[in-house]
C-alpha cells in the first residue's frame, strides 16, 4: 500500500545511529531498529488512526521487519478486527521484550479474548511467548481496574507455578505481574504478598529473585500508604 510505503520511508529518513546504539544496550530490537523515538511513533499513529485503511496499513507495517514500524503496526491495528490466529502469529514473531510489551499494551489487551490467550501463553516453552502471557496479565491488572479481582487470583497461581523459570525476560515478567497484582488494591495486596513469600520458599534462584523484588516493593511504605494499609 502507498501509505505503508510512505510511512516506512519516513521512518527510515529519521534513522538515528546514536539512538540505535542505546537501544541495543537495553536489548531493544533485533538489529532491525532505526532509532526512532516513541513520541514520533505516537504522533504517526494519531495521524493515521482516522485513515479508513489503517488496519491494512498496520498489517503491511508488521511485515516490514523494521522494529519501529512493527510497534506502529500495533498502534494502528483495529482490535475488533484482530483475530486470535493473528495474535498467535504475531506473538511467535516476538524477539525482544519491548516489542512484546508494546504490542500487548497497544493492541492485544484490547481484544475480547486476551485473557484466554494469557493463560495459554503463560505455559508456553518459547520465552517471549511465555512472557506475553504474563504481560497480558499485567495489562489486565493495571488497565482493567473495574474488572473482577478473581482473575488476579488465578494469575497468582500461574506465577507461583512458573516461578522456577530463570530466563531473564520471563522471570522479569513474573516479578512485574506479581508486583502489579499486589498494588492493585488492598484486598489483593496481602494475598500477593503471601504468594511472594511462598515463591521465595521454593528455593530456586529464579524464585528467590522474583519473590524478593516483589516483597521489597509490596512492603514499602509508599505502597502501604497508597493502599491505606499503613
C-alpha atoms as a PDB file:
ATOM      1  CA  UNK A   1       0.000   0.000   0.000  1.00  0.00           C
ATOM      2  CA  UNK A   2       1.186   3.518  -0.754  1.00  0.00           C
ATOM      3  CA  UNK A   3       0.545   4.663   2.808  1.00  0.00           C
ATOM      4  CA  UNK A   4       2.662   1.949   4.399  1.00  0.00           C
ATOM      5  CA  UNK A   5       5.494   2.568   1.933  1.00  0.00           C
ATOM      6  CA  UNK A   6       5.363   6.290   2.723  1.00  0.00           C
ATOM      7  CA  UNK A   7       5.451   5.617   6.468  1.00  0.00           C
ATOM      8  CA  UNK A   8       8.423   3.282   6.169  1.00  0.00           C
ATOM      9  CA  UNK A   9      10.315   5.770   4.004  1.00  0.00           C
ATOM     10  CA  UNK A  10       9.598   8.494   6.550  1.00  0.00           C
ATOM     11  CA  UNK A  11      10.809   6.336   9.435  1.00  0.00           C
ATOM     12  CA  UNK A  12      13.955   5.461   7.501  1.00  0.00           C
ATOM     13  CA  UNK A  13      14.621   9.151   6.942  1.00  0.00           C
ATOM     14  CA  UNK A  14      14.716   9.571  10.734  1.00  0.00           C
ATOM     15  CA  UNK A  15      17.348   6.900  11.324  1.00  0.00           C
ATOM     16  CA  UNK A  16      19.492   7.818  14.329  1.00  0.00           C
ATOM     17  CA  UNK A  17      22.720   5.874  14.833  1.00  0.00           C
ATOM     18  CA  UNK A  18      23.228   7.099  18.400  1.00  0.00           C
ATOM     19  CA  UNK A  19      19.730   6.037  19.420  1.00  0.00           C
ATOM     20  CA  UNK A  20      20.235   2.666  17.749  1.00  0.00           C
ATOM     21  CA  UNK A  21      23.299   2.052  19.916  1.00  0.00           C
ATOM     22  CA  UNK A  22      21.369   2.992  23.046  1.00  0.00           C
ATOM     23  CA  UNK A  23      18.517   0.678  22.127  1.00  0.00           C
ATOM     24  CA  UNK A  24      20.951  -2.186  21.598  1.00  0.00           C
ATOM     25  CA  UNK A  25      22.385  -1.682  25.092  1.00  0.00           C
ATOM     26  CA  UNK A  26      18.890  -2.167  26.528  1.00  0.00           C
ATOM     27  CA  UNK A  27      18.182  -5.258  24.403  1.00  0.00           C
ATOM     28  CA  UNK A  28      15.638  -3.361  22.318  1.00  0.00           C
ATOM     29  CA  UNK A  29      15.097  -4.711  18.833  1.00  0.00           C
ATOM     30  CA  UNK A  30      16.987  -7.391  16.959  1.00  0.00           C
ATOM     31  CA  UNK A  31      19.472  -5.424  14.835  1.00  0.00           C
ATOM     32  CA  UNK A  32      16.440  -4.023  12.997  1.00  0.00           C
ATOM     33  CA  UNK A  33      15.952  -0.681  14.736  1.00  0.00           C
ATOM     34  CA  UNK A  34      16.097   2.780  13.199  1.00  0.00           C
ATOM     35  CA  UNK A  35      16.472   4.661  16.458  1.00  0.00           C
ATOM     36  CA  UNK A  36      13.140   6.459  16.109  1.00  0.00           C
ATOM     37  CA  UNK A  37      11.600   7.625  19.396  1.00  0.00           C
ATOM     38  CA  UNK A  38       8.254   6.561  20.794  1.00  0.00           C
ATOM     39  CA  UNK A  39       6.793  10.114  20.676  1.00  0.00           C
ATOM     40  CA  UNK A  40       7.350  10.107  16.899  1.00  0.00           C
ATOM     41  CA  UNK A  41       5.543   6.779  16.589  1.00  0.00           C
ATOM     42  CA  UNK A  42       2.636   8.005  18.705  1.00  0.00           C
ATOM     43  CA  UNK A  43       2.323  11.125  16.559  1.00  0.00           C
ATOM     44  CA  UNK A  44       2.243   8.992  13.410  1.00  0.00           C
ATOM     45  CA  UNK A  45      -0.344   6.697  14.953  1.00  0.00           C
ATOM     46  CA  UNK A  46      -2.560   9.651  15.805  1.00  0.00           C
ATOM     47  CA  UNK A  47      -2.263  10.927  12.248  1.00  0.00           C
ATOM     48  CA  UNK A  48      -3.233   7.629  10.637  1.00  0.00           C
ATOM     49  CA  UNK A  49      -5.874   6.387  13.077  1.00  0.00           C
ATOM     50  CA  UNK A  50      -8.623   8.125  11.104  1.00  0.00           C
ATOM     51  CA  UNK A  51      -7.456   6.541   7.869  1.00  0.00           C
ATOM     52  CA  UNK A  52     -10.092   4.018   6.705  1.00  0.00           C
ATOM     53  CA  UNK A  53      -7.294   1.674   5.620  1.00  0.00           C
ATOM     54  CA  UNK A  54      -5.477   1.811   8.961  1.00  0.00           C
ATOM     55  CA  UNK A  55      -5.856  -1.903   9.632  1.00  0.00           C
ATOM     56  CA  UNK A  56      -4.438  -2.846   6.249  1.00  0.00           C
ATOM     57  CA  UNK A  57      -1.618  -0.346   6.765  1.00  0.00           C
ATOM     58  CA  UNK A  58      -0.863  -1.987  10.118  1.00  0.00           C
ATOM     59  CA  UNK A  59      -0.580  -5.423   8.568  1.00  0.00           C
ATOM     60  CA  UNK A  60       1.862  -4.143   5.956  1.00  0.00           C
ATOM     61  CA  UNK A  61       3.956  -2.366   8.564  1.00  0.00           C
ATOM     62  CA  UNK A  62       4.159  -5.538  10.658  1.00  0.00           C
ATOM     63  CA  UNK A  63       5.572  -7.442   7.689  1.00  0.00           C
ATOM     64  CA  UNK A  64       8.348  -4.867   7.197  1.00  0.00           C
ATOM     65  CA  UNK A  65      10.593  -6.372   9.901  1.00  0.00           C
ATOM     66  CA  UNK A  66      11.513  -2.829  10.942  1.00  0.00           C
ATOM     67  CA  UNK A  67      11.264  -2.579  14.700  1.00  0.00           C
ATOM     68  CA  UNK A  68       9.609   0.826  14.915  1.00  0.00           C
ATOM     69  CA  UNK A  69       7.235   0.030  12.063  1.00  0.00           C
ATOM     70  CA  UNK A  70       6.135  -3.122  13.877  1.00  0.00           C
ATOM     71  CA  UNK A  71       5.406  -1.165  17.045  1.00  0.00           C
ATOM     72  CA  UNK A  72       3.471   1.378  14.982  1.00  0.00           C
ATOM     73  CA  UNK A  73       1.514  -1.509  13.479  1.00  0.00           C
ATOM     74  CA  UNK A  74       0.284  -2.424  16.962  1.00  0.00           C
ATOM     75  CA  UNK A  75      -0.944   1.136  17.430  1.00  0.00           C
ATOM     76  CA  UNK A  76      -2.899   1.149  14.161  1.00  0.00           C
ATOM     77  CA  UNK A  77      -4.356  -2.362  14.029  1.00  0.00           C
ATOM     78  CA  UNK A  78      -8.046  -2.454  14.964  1.00  0.00           C
ATOM     79  CA  UNK A  79      -8.584  -4.761  17.975  1.00  0.00           C
ATOM     80  CA  UNK A  80     -12.097  -5.750  16.890  1.00  0.00           C
ATOM     81  CA  UNK A  81     -10.726  -6.991  13.565  1.00  0.00           C
ATOM     82  CA  UNK A  82      -7.651  -8.655  15.009  1.00  0.00           C
ATOM     83  CA  UNK A  83      -8.142 -12.408  15.132  1.00  0.00           C
ATOM     84  CA  UNK A  84      -6.851 -14.965  17.612  1.00  0.00           C
ATOM     85  CA  UNK A  85      -4.826 -16.582  14.815  1.00  0.00           C
ATOM     86  CA  UNK A  86      -3.204 -13.236  14.073  1.00  0.00           C
ATOM     87  CA  UNK A  87      -2.360 -12.838  17.740  1.00  0.00           C
ATOM     88  CA  UNK A  88      -0.695 -16.235  17.709  1.00  0.00           C
ATOM     89  CA  UNK A  89       1.256 -15.345  14.571  1.00  0.00           C
ATOM     90  CA  UNK A  90       2.458 -12.008  15.910  1.00  0.00           C
ATOM     91  CA  UNK A  91       3.359 -13.467  19.304  1.00  0.00           C
ATOM     92  CA  UNK A  92       5.583 -16.107  17.742  1.00  0.00           C
ATOM     93  CA  UNK A  93       7.492 -13.358  15.937  1.00  0.00           C
ATOM     94  CA  UNK A  94       8.413 -11.508  19.154  1.00  0.00           C
ATOM     95  CA  UNK A  95      12.170 -11.219  19.556  1.00  0.00           C
ATOM     96  CA  UNK A  96      12.590  -8.505  22.229  1.00  0.00           C
ATOM     97  CA  UNK A  97      10.921  -7.523  25.482  1.00  0.00           C
ATOM     98  CA  UNK A  98       9.879  -4.076  24.339  1.00  0.00           C
ATOM     99  CA  UNK A  99       8.136  -5.301  21.190  1.00  0.00           C
ATOM    100  CA  UNK A 100       6.254  -7.833  23.298  1.00  0.00           C
ATOM    101  CA  UNK A 101       5.232  -5.244  25.894  1.00  0.00           C
ATOM    102  CA  UNK A 102       4.274  -2.567  23.364  1.00  0.00           C
ATOM    103  CA  UNK A 103       2.105  -4.876  21.292  1.00  0.00           C
ATOM    104  CA  UNK A 104       0.409  -6.273  24.387  1.00  0.00           C
ATOM    105  CA  UNK A 105      -0.404  -2.781  25.662  1.00  0.00           C
ATOM    106  CA  UNK A 106      -1.281  -1.157  22.359  1.00  0.00           C
ATOM    107  CA  UNK A 107      -3.323  -3.969  20.838  1.00  0.00           C
ATOM    108  CA  UNK A 108      -3.604  -7.396  22.436  1.00  0.00           C
ATOM    109  CA  UNK A 109      -5.217  -6.296  25.713  1.00  0.00           C
ATOM    110  CA  UNK A 110      -7.958  -4.507  23.747  1.00  0.00           C
ATOM    111  CA  UNK A 111      -9.217  -7.716  22.153  1.00  0.00           C
ATOM    112  CA  UNK A 112     -12.070  -9.658  23.730  1.00  0.00           C
ATOM    113  CA  UNK A 113     -10.097 -12.910  24.018  1.00  0.00           C
ATOM    114  CA  UNK A 114      -6.794 -11.762  25.510  1.00  0.00           C
ATOM    115  CA  UNK A 115      -7.388 -13.409  28.901  1.00  0.00           C
ATOM    116  CA  UNK A 116      -7.779 -16.806  27.294  1.00  0.00           C
ATOM    117  CA  UNK A 117      -4.537 -16.211  25.414  1.00  0.00           C
ATOM    118  CA  UNK A 118      -2.786 -15.009  28.577  1.00  0.00           C
ATOM    119  CA  UNK A 119      -3.310 -18.360  30.269  1.00  0.00           C
ATOM    120  CA  UNK A 120      -2.382 -20.248  27.114  1.00  0.00           C
ATOM    121  CA  UNK A 121       0.839 -18.345  26.506  1.00  0.00           C
ATOM    122  CA  UNK A 122       1.869 -18.385  30.177  1.00  0.00           C
ATOM    123  CA  UNK A 123       2.544 -22.118  29.872  1.00  0.00           C
ATOM    124  CA  UNK A 124       4.443 -21.900  26.592  1.00  0.00           C
ATOM    125  CA  UNK A 125       8.009 -23.099  26.073  1.00  0.00           C
ATOM    126  CA  UNK A 126       9.272 -20.185  23.968  1.00  0.00           C
ATOM    127  CA  UNK A 127      10.495 -17.357  26.246  1.00  0.00           C
ATOM    128  CA  UNK A 128       8.813 -14.434  24.514  1.00  0.00           C
ATOM    129  CA  UNK A 129       5.549 -16.315  24.059  1.00  0.00           C
ATOM    130  CA  UNK A 130       5.597 -17.117  27.764  1.00  0.00           C
ATOM    131  CA  UNK A 131       6.443 -13.517  28.596  1.00  0.00           C
ATOM    132  CA  UNK A 132       3.463 -12.424  26.523  1.00  0.00           C
ATOM    133  CA  UNK A 133       1.144 -14.445  28.730  1.00  0.00           C
ATOM    134  CA  UNK A 134       2.282 -12.697  31.884  1.00  0.00           C
ATOM    135  CA  UNK A 135       2.454  -9.254  30.272  1.00  0.00           C
ATOM    136  CA  UNK A 136      -1.193  -9.712  29.268  1.00  0.00           C
ATOM    137  CA  UNK A 137      -1.957 -10.496  32.905  1.00  0.00           C
ATOM    138  CA  UNK A 138      -0.189  -7.257  33.838  1.00  0.00           C
ATOM    139  CA  UNK A 139      -2.316  -5.387  31.316  1.00  0.00           C
ATOM    140  CA  UNK A 140      -5.491  -6.784  32.871  1.00  0.00           C
ATOM    141  CA  UNK A 141      -4.315  -5.934  36.374  1.00  0.00           C
ATOM    142  CA  UNK A 142      -3.258  -2.378  35.579  1.00  0.00           C
ATOM    143  CA  UNK A 143      -5.669  -1.242  32.867  1.00  0.00           C
ATOM    144  CA  UNK A 144      -8.862  -3.125  33.664  1.00  0.00           C
ATOM    145  CA  UNK A 145      -9.352  -1.691  37.134  1.00  0.00           C
ATOM    146  CA  UNK A 146     -13.088  -2.334  37.296  1.00  0.00           C
ATOM    147  CA  UNK A 147     -12.792  -5.943  36.182  1.00  0.00           C
ATOM    148  CA  UNK A 148     -13.143  -8.854  38.596  1.00  0.00           C
ATOM    149  CA  UNK A 149     -10.275  -9.423  41.059  1.00  0.00           C
ATOM    150  CA  UNK A 150     -10.921 -13.166  40.892  1.00  0.00           C
ATOM    151  CA  UNK A 151      -8.851 -13.457  37.724  1.00  0.00           C
ATOM    152  CA  UNK A 152      -5.895 -11.944  39.540  1.00  0.00           C
ATOM    153  CA  UNK A 153      -6.031 -14.837  41.995  1.00  0.00           C
ATOM    154  CA  UNK A 154      -5.713 -17.206  39.059  1.00  0.00           C
ATOM    155  CA  UNK A 155      -2.790 -15.147  37.782  1.00  0.00           C
ATOM    156  CA  UNK A 156      -1.052 -15.622  41.128  1.00  0.00           C
ATOM    157  CA  UNK A 157      -1.477 -19.384  40.801  1.00  0.00           C
ATOM    158  CA  UNK A 158       0.249 -19.269  37.410  1.00  0.00           C
ATOM    159  CA  UNK A 159       3.075 -17.074  38.720  1.00  0.00           C
ATOM    160  CA  UNK A 160       3.680 -19.467  41.587  1.00  0.00           C
ATOM    161  CA  UNK A 161       3.657 -22.463  39.247  1.00  0.00           C
ATOM    162  CA  UNK A 162       6.115 -20.897  36.788  1.00  0.00           C
ATOM    163  CA  UNK A 163       8.489 -19.196  39.244  1.00  0.00           C
ATOM    164  CA  UNK A 164      11.188 -21.772  38.516  1.00  0.00           C
ATOM    165  CA  UNK A 165      11.875 -20.214  35.101  1.00  0.00           C
ATOM    166  CA  UNK A 166      15.232 -18.438  35.293  1.00  0.00           C
ATOM    167  CA  UNK A 167      15.185 -16.980  31.774  1.00  0.00           C
ATOM    168  CA  UNK A 168      15.717 -13.257  32.108  1.00  0.00           C
ATOM    169  CA  UNK A 169      12.737 -11.861  30.236  1.00  0.00           C
ATOM    170  CA  UNK A 170      10.406 -14.495  31.672  1.00  0.00           C
ATOM    171  CA  UNK A 171      11.304 -14.025  35.329  1.00  0.00           C
ATOM    172  CA  UNK A 172      11.134 -10.245  34.929  1.00  0.00           C
ATOM    173  CA  UNK A 173       7.591 -10.573  33.605  1.00  0.00           C
ATOM    174  CA  UNK A 174       6.639 -12.844  36.512  1.00  0.00           C
ATOM    175  CA  UNK A 175       8.036 -10.348  39.008  1.00  0.00           C
ATOM    176  CA  UNK A 176       6.278  -7.454  37.259  1.00  0.00           C
ATOM    177  CA  UNK A 177       2.961  -9.279  37.303  1.00  0.00           C
ATOM    178  CA  UNK A 178       3.280 -10.246  40.956  1.00  0.00           C
ATOM    179  CA  UNK A 179       4.063  -6.661  41.986  1.00  0.00           C
ATOM    180  CA  UNK A 180       1.217  -5.172  39.967  1.00  0.00           C
ATOM    181  CA  UNK A 181      -1.334  -7.573  41.436  1.00  0.00           C
ATOM    182  CA  UNK A 182      -0.156  -6.690  44.930  1.00  0.00           C
ATOM    183  CA  UNK A 183      -0.519  -2.985  44.177  1.00  0.00           C
ATOM    184  CA  UNK A 184      -3.938  -3.260  42.520  1.00  0.00           C
ATOM    185  CA  UNK A 185      -5.928  -2.835  45.742  1.00  0.00           C
ATOM    186  CA  UNK A 186      -5.971  -3.512  49.480  1.00  0.00           C
ATOM    187  CA  UNK A 187      -7.788  -6.815  49.011  1.00  0.00           C
ATOM    188  CA  UNK A 188      -5.182  -8.333  46.697  1.00  0.00           C
ATOM    189  CA  UNK A 189      -2.138  -6.911  48.480  1.00  0.00           C
ATOM    190  CA  UNK A 190      -1.857  -9.444  51.348  1.00  0.00           C
ATOM    191  CA  UNK A 191      -2.731 -12.320  49.015  1.00  0.00           C
ATOM    192  CA  UNK A 192       0.013 -11.356  46.548  1.00  0.00           C
ATOM    193  CA  UNK A 193       2.470 -10.815  49.402  1.00  0.00           C
ATOM    194  CA  UNK A 194       1.739 -14.253  50.823  1.00  0.00           C
ATOM    195  CA  UNK A 195       2.227 -15.683  47.334  1.00  0.00           C
ATOM    196  CA  UNK A 196       5.616 -13.945  47.114  1.00  0.00           C
ATOM    197  CA  UNK A 197       6.729 -15.498  50.408  1.00  0.00           C
ATOM    198  CA  UNK A 198       5.676 -18.959  49.194  1.00  0.00           C
ATOM    199  CA  UNK A 199       7.584 -18.441  45.969  1.00  0.00           C
ATOM    200  CA  UNK A 200      10.705 -17.453  47.902  1.00  0.00           C
ATOM    201  CA  UNK A 201      10.494 -20.735  49.792  1.00  0.00           C
ATOM    202  CA  UNK A 202      10.666 -22.683  46.519  1.00  0.00           C
ATOM    203  CA  UNK A 203      14.410 -22.269  46.759  1.00  0.00           C
ATOM    204  CA  UNK A 204      15.443 -21.814  43.141  1.00  0.00           C
ATOM    205  CA  UNK A 205      17.475 -18.773  42.111  1.00  0.00           C
ATOM    206  CA  UNK A 206      14.647 -17.599  39.855  1.00  0.00           C
ATOM    207  CA  UNK A 207      12.038 -17.943  42.586  1.00  0.00           C
ATOM    208  CA  UNK A 208      14.161 -16.051  45.096  1.00  0.00           C
ATOM    209  CA  UNK A 209      14.758 -13.246  42.595  1.00  0.00           C
ATOM    210  CA  UNK A 210      11.081 -12.970  41.619  1.00  0.00           C
ATOM    211  CA  UNK A 211       9.891 -13.014  45.217  1.00  0.00           C
ATOM    212  CA  UNK A 212      12.496 -10.744  46.779  1.00  0.00           C
ATOM    213  CA  UNK A 213      11.829  -7.825  44.470  1.00  0.00           C
ATOM    214  CA  UNK A 214       8.090  -8.180  44.931  1.00  0.00           C
ATOM    215  CA  UNK A 215       8.298  -8.419  48.718  1.00  0.00           C
ATOM    216  CA  UNK A 216      10.523  -5.347  48.891  1.00  0.00           C
ATOM    217  CA  UNK A 217       8.090  -3.228  46.879  1.00  0.00           C
ATOM    218  CA  UNK A 218       4.871  -4.555  48.372  1.00  0.00           C
ATOM    219  CA  UNK A 219       6.153  -3.975  51.903  1.00  0.00           C
ATOM    220  CA  UNK A 220       7.405  -0.478  51.095  1.00  0.00           C
ATOM    221  CA  UNK A 221       5.938   2.476  52.927  1.00  0.00           C
ATOM    222  CA  UNK A 222       4.853   4.084  49.659  1.00  0.00           C
ATOM    223  CA  UNK A 223       2.723   1.123  48.597  1.00  0.00           C
ATOM    224  CA  UNK A 224       1.252   0.570  52.053  1.00  0.00           C
ATOM    225  CA  UNK A 225       0.265   4.225  52.281  1.00  0.00           C
ATOM    226  CA  UNK A 226      -1.262   4.306  48.808  1.00  0.00           C
ATOM    227  CA  UNK A 227      -3.425   1.294  49.636  1.00  0.00           C
ATOM    228  CA  UNK A 228      -4.186   2.762  53.076  1.00  0.00           C
ATOM    229  CA  UNK A 229      -2.664  -0.238  54.791  1.00  0.00           C
ATOM    230  CA  UNK A 230      -0.351   1.823  56.991  1.00  0.00           C
END
